[in-house]
């Protein structure tokens, strides 16, 4: 299976906050960090509601870890995650 992208849908991202996505293929021992389209390792667009991370890896088992980076008393709120594959 070729894992293409993971889309994170969230409430409007508070200013100063960001989200990251890490994944493992086939129970690997370490996490791999996914990138957004512009090559950044995190999504930090204030008021953004959808982050698309590129995976582009092949394997039978896909595990994901979503990292929320807060700012002050504000934190990202993830509503759902959707991963596309072939």
PDB file of N, CA and C in Angstrom:
ATOM      1  N   UNK A   1       0.840  -1.180   0.000  1.00  0.00           N
ATOM      2  CA  UNK A   1       0.000   0.000   0.000  1.00  0.00           C
ATOM      3  C   UNK A   1       0.878   1.234   0.000  1.00  0.00           C
ATOM      4  N   UNK A   2       0.569   2.182  -0.888  1.00  0.00           N
ATOM      5  CA  UNK A   2       1.281   3.461  -0.904  1.00  0.00           C
ATOM      6  C   UNK A   2       0.428   4.488  -0.163  1.00  0.00           C
ATOM      7  N   UNK A   3       0.935   4.977   0.953  1.00  0.00           N
ATOM      8  CA  UNK A   3       0.247   5.962   1.779  1.00  0.00           C
ATOM      9  C   UNK A   3       0.616   7.337   1.251  1.00  0.00           C
ATOM     10  N   UNK A   4      -0.368   8.105   0.788  1.00  0.00           N
ATOM     11  CA  UNK A   4      -0.107   9.368   0.095  1.00  0.00           C
ATOM     12  C   UNK A   4      -0.094  10.580   1.015  1.00  0.00           C
ATOM     13  N   UNK A   5      -1.243  10.935   1.588  1.00  0.00           N
ATOM     14  CA  UNK A   5      -1.349  12.133   2.423  1.00  0.00           C
ATOM     15  C   UNK A   5      -2.236  11.879   3.632  1.00  0.00           C
ATOM     16  N   UNK A   6      -2.062  12.714   4.635  1.00  0.00           N
ATOM     17  CA  UNK A   6      -2.975  12.744   5.775  1.00  0.00           C
ATOM     18  C   UNK A   6      -3.476  14.170   5.915  1.00  0.00           C
ATOM     19  N   UNK A   7      -4.793  14.314   5.977  1.00  0.00           N
ATOM     20  CA  UNK A   7      -5.425  15.610   6.164  1.00  0.00           C
ATOM     21  C   UNK A   7      -5.931  15.707   7.595  1.00  0.00           C
ATOM     22  N   UNK A   8      -5.577  16.792   8.270  1.00  0.00           N
ATOM     23  CA  UNK A   8      -6.077  17.049   9.611  1.00  0.00           C
ATOM     24  C   UNK A   8      -7.082  18.186   9.528  1.00  0.00           C
ATOM     25  N   UNK A   9      -8.294  17.934   9.988  1.00  0.00           N
ATOM     26  CA  UNK A   9      -9.342  18.944  10.038  1.00  0.00           C
ATOM     27  C   UNK A   9      -9.443  19.408  11.483  1.00  0.00           C
ATOM     28  N   UNK A  10      -9.481  20.722  11.678  1.00  0.00           N
ATOM     29  CA  UNK A  10      -9.432  21.266  13.034  1.00  0.00           C
ATOM     30  C   UNK A  10     -10.307  22.495  13.162  1.00  0.00           C
ATOM     31  N   UNK A  11     -10.531  22.900  14.401  1.00  0.00           N
ATOM     32  CA  UNK A  11     -11.139  24.206  14.635  1.00  0.00           C
ATOM     33  C   UNK A  11     -10.110  25.238  14.204  1.00  0.00           C
ATOM     34  N   UNK A  12     -10.534  26.482  13.972  1.00  0.00           N
ATOM     35  CA  UNK A  12      -9.615  27.532  13.522  1.00  0.00           C
ATOM     36  C   UNK A  12      -8.368  27.546  14.413  1.00  0.00           C
ATOM     37  N   UNK A  13      -7.205  27.423  13.786  1.00  0.00           N
ATOM     38  CA  UNK A  13      -5.935  27.331  14.516  1.00  0.00           C
ATOM     39  C   UNK A  13      -5.615  28.670  15.187  1.00  0.00           C
ATOM     40  N   UNK A  14      -5.460  28.663  16.528  1.00  0.00           N
ATOM     41  CA  UNK A  14      -5.126  29.908  17.224  1.00  0.00           C
ATOM     42  C   UNK A  14      -3.744  30.423  16.809  1.00  0.00           C
ATOM     43  N   UNK A  15      -3.591  31.717  16.805  1.00  0.00           N
ATOM     44  CA  UNK A  15      -2.316  32.344  16.454  1.00  0.00           C
ATOM     45  C   UNK A  15      -1.208  31.837  17.386  1.00  0.00           C
ATOM     46  N   UNK A  16      -0.060  31.519  16.812  1.00  0.00           N
ATOM     47  CA  UNK A  16       1.074  31.039  17.587  1.00  0.00           C
ATOM     48  C   UNK A  16       1.101  29.537  17.811  1.00  0.00           C
ATOM     49  N   UNK A  17       0.032  28.847  17.453  1.00  0.00           N
ATOM     50  CA  UNK A  17      -0.046  27.395  17.628  1.00  0.00           C
ATOM     51  C   UNK A  17       0.355  26.698  16.330  1.00  0.00           C
ATOM     52  N   UNK A  18       0.674  25.412  16.440  1.00  0.00           N
ATOM     53  CA  UNK A  18       0.982  24.620  15.248  1.00  0.00           C
ATOM     54  C   UNK A  18       0.681  23.154  15.511  1.00  0.00           C
ATOM     55  N   UNK A  19       0.607  22.389  14.428  1.00  0.00           N
ATOM     56  CA  UNK A  19       0.422  20.939  14.515  1.00  0.00           C
ATOM     57  C   UNK A  19       1.487  20.258  13.666  1.00  0.00           C
ATOM     58  N   UNK A  20       1.904  19.083  14.108  1.00  0.00           N
ATOM     59  CA  UNK A  20       2.876  18.261  13.386  1.00  0.00           C
ATOM     60  C   UNK A  20       2.297  16.872  13.224  1.00  0.00           C
ATOM     61  N   UNK A  21       2.796  16.149  12.237  1.00  0.00           N
ATOM     62  CA  UNK A  21       2.376  14.771  12.036  1.00  0.00           C
ATOM     63  C   UNK A  21       3.620  13.907  11.893  1.00  0.00           C
ATOM     64  N   UNK A  22       3.668  12.827  12.656  1.00  0.00           N
ATOM     65  CA  UNK A  22       4.744  11.845  12.576  1.00  0.00           C
ATOM     66  C   UNK A  22       4.082  10.503  12.276  1.00  0.00           C
ATOM     67  N   UNK A  23       4.798   9.624  11.591  1.00  0.00           N
ATOM     68  CA  UNK A  23       4.221   8.322  11.257  1.00  0.00           C
ATOM     69  C   UNK A  23       5.275   7.223  11.324  1.00  0.00           C
ATOM     70  N   UNK A  24       4.777   5.995  11.441  1.00  0.00           N
ATOM     71  CA  UNK A  24       5.607   4.783  11.386  1.00  0.00           C
ATOM     72  C   UNK A  24       5.012   3.874  10.328  1.00  0.00           C
ATOM     73  N   UNK A  25       5.871   3.190   9.599  1.00  0.00           N
ATOM     74  CA  UNK A  25       5.423   2.194   8.634  1.00  0.00           C
ATOM     75  C   UNK A  25       5.855   0.814   9.129  1.00  0.00           C
ATOM     76  N   UNK A  26       4.921  -0.130   9.089  1.00  0.00           N
ATOM     77  CA  UNK A  26       5.204  -1.530   9.434  1.00  0.00           C
ATOM     78  C   UNK A  26       5.903  -1.687  10.780  1.00  0.00           C
ATOM     79  N   UNK A  27       5.410  -0.981  11.787  1.00  0.00           N
ATOM     80  CA  UNK A  27       5.914  -1.077  13.172  1.00  0.00           C
ATOM     81  C   UNK A  27       7.393  -0.712  13.304  1.00  0.00           C
ATOM     82  N   UNK A  28       7.836   0.265  12.539  1.00  0.00           N
ATOM     83  CA  UNK A  28       9.231   0.721  12.615  1.00  0.00           C
ATOM     84  C   UNK A  28       9.554   1.133  14.052  1.00  0.00           C
ATOM     85  N   UNK A  29      10.827   1.172  14.380  1.00  0.00           N
ATOM     86  CA  UNK A  29      11.229   1.517  15.740  1.00  0.00           C
ATOM     87  C   UNK A  29      11.236   3.021  15.998  1.00  0.00           C
ATOM     88  N   UNK A  30      11.253   3.840  14.931  1.00  0.00           N
ATOM     89  CA  UNK A  30      11.275   5.289  15.137  1.00  0.00           C
ATOM     90  C   UNK A  30      10.218   5.969  14.259  1.00  0.00           C
ATOM     91  N   UNK A  31       9.854   7.164  14.667  1.00  0.00           N
ATOM     92  CA  UNK A  31       8.862   7.954  13.955  1.00  0.00           C
ATOM     93  C   UNK A  31       9.518   8.771  12.848  1.00  0.00           C
ATOM     94  N   UNK A  32       8.802   8.964  11.743  1.00  0.00           N
ATOM     95  CA  UNK A  32       9.232   9.817  10.643  1.00  0.00           C
ATOM     96  C   UNK A  32       8.322  11.039  10.619  1.00  0.00           C
ATOM     97  N   UNK A  33       8.906  12.227  10.501  1.00  0.00           N
ATOM     98  CA  UNK A  33       8.088  13.435  10.478  1.00  0.00           C
ATOM     99  C   UNK A  33       7.617  13.723   9.058  1.00  0.00           C
ATOM    100  N   UNK A  34       6.329  13.987   8.904  1.00  0.00           N
ATOM    101  CA  UNK A  34       5.740  14.320   7.609  1.00  0.00           C
ATOM    102  C   UNK A  34       5.868  15.824   7.365  1.00  0.00           C
ATOM    103  N   UNK A  35       5.827  16.207   6.110  1.00  0.00           N
ATOM    104  CA  UNK A  35       5.956  17.603   5.711  1.00  0.00           C
ATOM    105  C   UNK A  35       4.678  18.099   5.062  1.00  0.00           C
ATOM    106  N   UNK A  36       4.383  19.397   5.202  1.00  0.00           N
ATOM    107  CA  UNK A  36       3.284  20.008   4.473  1.00  0.00           C
ATOM    108  C   UNK A  36       3.795  20.373   3.080  1.00  0.00           C
ATOM    109  N   UNK A  37       2.909  20.828   2.209  1.00  0.00           N
ATOM    110  CA  UNK A  37       3.260  21.072   0.802  1.00  0.00           C
ATOM    111  C   UNK A  37       4.428  22.033   0.617  1.00  0.00           C
ATOM    112  N   UNK A  38       4.571  23.042   1.488  1.00  0.00           N
ATOM    113  CA  UNK A  38       5.658  24.015   1.319  1.00  0.00           C
ATOM    114  C   UNK A  38       6.987  23.534   1.890  1.00  0.00           C
ATOM    115  N   UNK A  39       7.020  22.298   2.389  1.00  0.00           N
ATOM    116  CA  UNK A  39       8.252  21.730   2.916  1.00  0.00           C
ATOM    117  C   UNK A  39       8.450  21.936   4.402  1.00  0.00           C
ATOM    118  N   UNK A  40       7.521  22.618   5.060  1.00  0.00           N
ATOM    119  CA  UNK A  40       7.607  22.837   6.507  1.00  0.00           C
ATOM    120  C   UNK A  40       7.311  21.545   7.263  1.00  0.00           C
ATOM    121  N   UNK A  41       7.840  21.449   8.471  1.00  0.00           N
ATOM    122  CA  UNK A  41       7.586  20.269   9.298  1.00  0.00           C
ATOM    123  C   UNK A  41       6.344  20.431  10.158  1.00  0.00           C
ATOM    124  N   UNK A  42       5.752  21.632  10.162  1.00  0.00           N
ATOM    125  CA  UNK A  42       4.534  21.848  10.935  1.00  0.00           C
ATOM    126  C   UNK A  42       3.597  22.785  10.187  1.00  0.00           C
ATOM    127  N   UNK A  43       2.317  22.712  10.549  1.00  0.00           N
ATOM    128  CA  UNK A  43       1.310  23.594   9.983  1.00  0.00           C
ATOM    129  C   UNK A  43       0.998  24.650  11.026  1.00  0.00           C
ATOM    130  N   UNK A  44       1.135  25.931  10.670  1.00  0.00           N
ATOM    131  CA  UNK A  44       0.950  26.997  11.651  1.00  0.00           C
ATOM    132  C   UNK A  44       0.179  28.190  11.092  1.00  0.00           C
ATOM    133  N   UNK A  45      -0.636  27.979  10.085  1.00  0.00           N
ATOM    134  CA  UNK A  45      -1.400  29.060   9.458  1.00  0.00           C
ATOM    135  C   UNK A  45      -2.535  29.499  10.389  1.00  0.00           C
ATOM    136  N   UNK A  46      -2.416  30.710  10.974  1.00  0.00           N
ATOM    137  CA  UNK A  46      -3.424  31.207  11.911  1.00  0.00           C
ATOM    138  C   UNK A  46      -4.808  31.172  11.275  1.00  0.00           C
ATOM    139  N   UNK A  47      -5.767  30.683  12.003  1.00  0.00           N
ATOM    140  CA  UNK A  47      -7.171  30.521  11.587  1.00  0.00           C
ATOM    141  C   UNK A  47      -7.369  29.414  10.561  1.00  0.00           C
ATOM    142  N   UNK A  48      -6.306  28.684  10.192  1.00  0.00           N
ATOM    143  CA  UNK A  48      -6.428  27.564   9.265  1.00  0.00           C
ATOM    144  C   UNK A  48      -7.259  26.444   9.853  1.00  0.00           C
ATOM    145  N   UNK A  49      -7.964  25.733   8.995  1.00  0.00           N
ATOM    146  CA  UNK A  49      -8.830  24.646   9.464  1.00  0.00           C
ATOM    147  C   UNK A  49      -8.499  23.289   8.854  1.00  0.00           C
ATOM    148  N   UNK A  50      -7.548  23.260   7.898  1.00  0.00           N
ATOM    149  CA  UNK A  50      -7.193  21.990   7.257  1.00  0.00           C
ATOM    150  C   UNK A  50      -5.704  21.988   6.942  1.00  0.00           C
ATOM    151  N   UNK A  51      -5.017  20.994   7.460  1.00  0.00           N
ATOM    152  CA  UNK A  51      -3.585  20.820   7.193  1.00  0.00           C
ATOM    153  C   UNK A  51      -3.411  19.530   6.408  1.00  0.00           C
ATOM    154  N   UNK A  52      -2.632  19.583   5.329  1.00  0.00           N
ATOM    155  CA  UNK A  52      -2.375  18.400   4.510  1.00  0.00           C
ATOM    156  C   UNK A  52      -0.895  18.055   4.622  1.00  0.00           C
ATOM    157  N   UNK A  53      -0.607  16.855   5.118  1.00  0.00           N
ATOM    158  CA  UNK A  53       0.766  16.370   5.273  1.00  0.00           C
ATOM    159  C   UNK A  53       1.049  15.295   4.234  1.00  0.00           C
ATOM    160  N   UNK A  54       2.222  15.358   3.620  1.00  0.00           N
ATOM    161  CA  UNK A  54       2.636  14.365   2.623  1.00  0.00           C
ATOM    162  C   UNK A  54       3.283  13.173   3.324  1.00  0.00           C
ATOM    163  N   UNK A  55       2.877  11.971   2.942  1.00  0.00           N
ATOM    164  CA  UNK A  55       3.467  10.748   3.480  1.00  0.00           C
ATOM    165  C   UNK A  55       4.384  10.138   2.417  1.00  0.00           C
ATOM    166  N   UNK A  56       3.812   9.629   1.334  1.00  0.00           N
ATOM    167  CA  UNK A  56       4.603   9.085   0.239  1.00  0.00           C
ATOM    168  C   UNK A  56       5.449   7.885   0.608  1.00  0.00           C
ATOM    169  N   UNK A  57       4.946   7.036   1.488  1.00  0.00           N
ATOM    170  CA  UNK A  57       5.688   5.846   1.908  1.00  0.00           C
ATOM    171  C   UNK A  57       4.854   4.604   1.622  1.00  0.00           C
ATOM    172  N   UNK A  58       5.523   3.477   1.499  1.00  0.00           N
ATOM    173  CA  UNK A  58       4.863   2.213   1.201  1.00  0.00           C
ATOM    174  C   UNK A  58       4.991   1.272   2.393  1.00  0.00           C
ATOM    175  N   UNK A  59       3.908   0.580   2.706  1.00  0.00           N
ATOM    176  CA  UNK A  59       3.918  -0.383   3.796  1.00  0.00           C
ATOM    177  C   UNK A  59       2.526  -0.932   4.032  1.00  0.00           C
ATOM    178  N   UNK A  60       2.442  -1.962   4.868  1.00  0.00           N
ATOM    179  CA  UNK A  60       1.152  -2.578   5.168  1.00  0.00           C
ATOM    180  C   UNK A  60       0.490  -1.967   6.397  1.00  0.00           C
ATOM    181  N   UNK A  61       1.294  -1.506   7.356  1.00  0.00           N
ATOM    182  CA  UNK A  61       0.757  -0.950   8.599  1.00  0.00           C
ATOM    183  C   UNK A  61       1.199   0.501   8.723  1.00  0.00           C
ATOM    184  N   UNK A  62       0.219   1.404   8.903  1.00  0.00           N
ATOM    185  CA  UNK A  62       0.486   2.841   9.039  1.00  0.00           C
ATOM    186  C   UNK A  62       0.024   3.292  10.417  1.00  0.00           C
ATOM    187  N   UNK A  63       0.937   3.903  11.179  1.00  0.00           N
ATOM    188  CA  UNK A  63       0.593   4.464  12.488  1.00  0.00           C
ATOM    189  C   UNK A  63       0.893   5.951  12.430  1.00  0.00           C
ATOM    190  N   UNK A  64       0.039   6.776  13.067  1.00  0.00           N
ATOM    191  CA  UNK A  64       0.302   8.207  13.070  1.00  0.00           C
ATOM    192  C   UNK A  64       0.289   8.771  14.477  1.00  0.00           C
ATOM    193  N   UNK A  65       1.080   9.823  14.665  1.00  0.00           N
ATOM    194  CA  UNK A  65       1.137  10.545  15.925  1.00  0.00           C
ATOM    195  C   UNK A  65       0.953  12.026  15.585  1.00  0.00           C
ATOM    196  N   UNK A  66      -0.076  12.636  16.144  1.00  0.00           N
ATOM    197  CA  UNK A  66      -0.340  14.050  15.930  1.00  0.00           C
ATOM    198  C   UNK A  66       0.223  14.809  17.123  1.00  0.00           C
ATOM    199  N   UNK A  67       1.064  15.803  16.849  1.00  0.00           N
ATOM    200  CA  UNK A  67       1.685  16.610  17.899  1.00  0.00           C
ATOM    201  C   UNK A  67       1.049  17.995  17.868  1.00  0.00           C
ATOM    202  N   UNK A  68       0.474  18.405  19.007  1.00  0.00           N
ATOM    203  CA  UNK A  68      -0.149  19.721  19.134  1.00  0.00           C
ATOM    204  C   UNK A  68       0.800  20.643  19.875  1.00  0.00           C
ATOM    205  N   UNK A  69       1.118  21.778  19.280  1.00  0.00           N
ATOM    206  CA  UNK A  69       2.006  22.762  19.900  1.00  0.00           C
ATOM    207  C   UNK A  69       1.177  23.973  20.314  1.00  0.00           C
ATOM    208  N   UNK A  70       0.924  24.130  21.636  1.00  0.00           N
ATOM    209  CA  UNK A  70       0.088  25.224  22.116  1.00  0.00           C
ATOM    210  C   UNK A  70       0.851  26.551  22.189  1.00  0.00           C
ATOM    211  N   UNK A  71       0.094  27.612  22.433  1.00  0.00           N
ATOM    212  CA  UNK A  71       0.664  28.934  22.653  1.00  0.00           C
ATOM    213  C   UNK A  71      -0.114  29.570  23.801  1.00  0.00           C
ATOM    214  N   UNK A  72       0.563  29.790  24.917  1.00  0.00           N
ATOM    215  CA  UNK A  72      -0.138  30.319  26.093  1.00  0.00           C
ATOM    216  C   UNK A  72      -1.227  29.362  26.523  1.00  0.00           C
ATOM    217  N   UNK A  73      -2.451  29.878  26.663  1.00  0.00           N
ATOM    218  CA  UNK A  73      -3.594  29.049  27.061  1.00  0.00           C
ATOM    219  C   UNK A  73      -4.367  28.512  25.858  1.00  0.00           C
ATOM    220  N   UNK A  74      -3.851  28.703  24.653  1.00  0.00           N
ATOM    221  CA  UNK A  74      -4.521  28.237  23.440  1.00  0.00           C
ATOM    222  C   UNK A  74      -3.842  26.990  22.897  1.00  0.00           C
ATOM    223  N   UNK A  75      -4.664  26.086  22.370  1.00  0.00           N
ATOM    224  CA  UNK A  75      -4.142  24.852  21.801  1.00  0.00           C
ATOM    225  C   UNK A  75      -4.940  24.467  20.569  1.00  0.00           C
ATOM    226  N   UNK A  76      -4.311  23.827  19.588  1.00  0.00           N
ATOM    227  CA  UNK A  76      -5.068  23.335  18.432  1.00  0.00           C
ATOM    228  C   UNK A  76      -6.085  22.282  18.869  1.00  0.00           C
ATOM    229  N   UNK A  77      -7.212  22.241  18.178  1.00  0.00           N
ATOM    230  CA  UNK A  77      -8.245  21.232  18.438  1.00  0.00           C
ATOM    231  C   UNK A  77      -8.471  20.470  17.140  1.00  0.00           C
ATOM    232  N   UNK A  78      -8.071  19.207  17.120  1.00  0.00           N
ATOM    233  CA  UNK A  78      -8.228  18.356  15.931  1.00  0.00           C
ATOM    234  C   UNK A  78      -9.614  17.720  15.965  1.00  0.00           C
ATOM    235  N   UNK A  79     -10.326  17.827  14.853  1.00  0.00           N
ATOM    236  CA  UNK A  79     -11.668  17.246  14.756  1.00  0.00           C
ATOM    237  C   UNK A  79     -11.642  15.862  14.119  1.00  0.00           C
ATOM    238  N   UNK A  80     -10.801  15.694  13.093  1.00  0.00           N
ATOM    239  CA  UNK A  80     -10.674  14.375  12.461  1.00  0.00           C
ATOM    240  C   UNK A  80      -9.409  14.315  11.615  1.00  0.00           C
ATOM    241  N   UNK A  81      -9.039  13.101  11.298  1.00  0.00           N
ATOM    242  CA  UNK A  81      -7.871  12.827  10.471  1.00  0.00           C
ATOM    243  C   UNK A  81      -8.298  11.894   9.349  1.00  0.00           C
ATOM    244  N   UNK A  82      -7.841  12.198   8.116  1.00  0.00           N
ATOM    245  CA  UNK A  82      -8.188  11.334   6.981  1.00  0.00           C
ATOM    246  C   UNK A  82      -6.935  11.065   6.175  1.00  0.00           C
ATOM    247  N   UNK A  83      -6.620   9.772   5.982  1.00  0.00           N
ATOM    248  CA  UNK A  83      -5.419   9.379   5.253  1.00  0.00           C
ATOM    249  C   UNK A  83      -5.801   8.744   3.917  1.00  0.00           C
ATOM    250  N   UNK A  84      -5.120   9.172   2.852  1.00  0.00           N
ATOM    251  CA  UNK A  84      -5.372   8.639   1.512  1.00  0.00           C
ATOM    252  C   UNK A  84      -4.270   7.665   1.129  1.00  0.00           C
ATOM    253  N   UNK A  85      -4.637   6.622   0.399  1.00  0.00           N
ATOM    254  CA  UNK A  85      -3.672   5.618  -0.036  1.00  0.00           C
ATOM    255  C   UNK A  85      -4.118   4.984  -1.338  1.00  0.00           C
ATOM    256  N   UNK A  86      -3.184   4.277  -2.008  1.00  0.00           N
ATOM    257  CA  UNK A  86      -3.480   3.496  -3.213  1.00  0.00           C
ATOM    258  C   UNK A  86      -3.532   2.036  -2.861  1.00  0.00           C
TER     259      UNK A  86
END
